[in-house]
Amino acid sequence: MTVRMVTRLVGKEPARLMAMTYWAVEPFLVCSITAAYVSRRRARCRAGAATVGRHN
């Protein structure tokens, strides 16, 4: 996103640079979100708070 914003401010659109940036960053982003979800779920299961519903 930063690359996109900077290039739009400058007035240029380096499609190749943006494509390579997305290609490199996207797997890390997906993995970090997945790891955070799994970590929180495991912590809840270990604590015994994995009940049905949000406000129980």
Protein backbone atom coordinates (compact mmCIF):
# COMPACT_ATOMS: atom_id res chain seq x y z
CA MET A 1 0.00 0.00 0.00
CA THR A 2 2.81 2.38 0.80
CA VAL A 3 4.38 1.87 -2.60
CA ARG A 4 1.05 2.52 -4.28
CA MET A 5 0.43 5.72 -2.32
CA VAL A 6 3.92 7.10 -2.94
CA THR A 7 3.81 6.37 -6.66
CA ARG A 8 0.41 8.05 -6.98
CA LEU A 9 1.74 11.13 -5.19
CA VAL A 10 4.69 11.25 -7.57
CA GLY A 11 2.42 10.62 -10.55
CA LYS A 12 3.96 7.40 -11.78
CA GLU A 13 2.62 3.86 -11.79
CA PRO A 14 5.38 1.21 -11.66
CA ALA A 15 3.24 -1.85 -12.26
CA ARG A 16 6.16 -4.28 -12.16
CA LEU A 17 7.45 -3.01 -8.81
CA MET A 18 3.99 -3.18 -7.26
CA ALA A 19 3.37 -6.66 -8.61
CA MET A 20 6.66 -7.91 -7.19
CA THR A 21 5.97 -6.24 -3.85
CA TYR A 22 2.55 -7.89 -3.59
CA TRP A 23 4.04 -11.22 -4.66
CA ALA A 24 6.64 -11.00 -1.88
CA VAL A 25 4.45 -9.59 0.91
CA GLU A 26 1.15 -11.42 0.41
CA PRO A 27 2.31 -14.85 1.68
CA PHE A 28 3.73 -13.26 4.85
CA LEU A 29 0.50 -11.39 5.46
CA VAL A 30 -1.66 -14.49 5.00
CA CYS A 31 0.61 -16.59 7.21
CA SER A 32 0.71 -14.01 9.99
CA ILE A 33 -3.09 -13.69 10.06
CA THR A 34 -3.45 -17.48 10.10
CA ALA A 35 -0.85 -17.85 12.86
CA ALA A 36 -2.58 -15.22 15.00
CA TYR A 37 -5.93 -16.98 14.59
CA VAL A 38 -4.49 -20.40 15.45
CA SER A 39 -2.61 -18.99 18.43
CA ARG A 40 -5.71 -17.33 19.89
CA ARG A 41 -7.80 -20.43 19.30
CA ARG A 42 -5.25 -22.68 21.04
CA ALA A 43 -5.03 -20.29 23.98
CA ARG A 44 -8.81 -20.35 24.38
CA CYS A 45 -8.94 -24.13 24.19
CA ARG A 46 -6.17 -24.50 26.78
CA ALA A 47 -7.92 -22.09 29.12
CA GLY A 48 -11.18 -23.98 28.80
CA ALA A 49 -13.03 -20.91 27.61
CA ALA A 50 -14.04 -22.33 24.26
CA THR A 51 -17.76 -22.11 24.85
CA VAL A 52 -20.46 -21.61 22.27
CA GLY A 53 -21.35 -17.97 21.72
CA ARG A 54 -19.41 -14.80 22.21
CA HIS A 55 -20.72 -13.44 25.50
CA ASN A 56 -20.83 -16.51 27.68
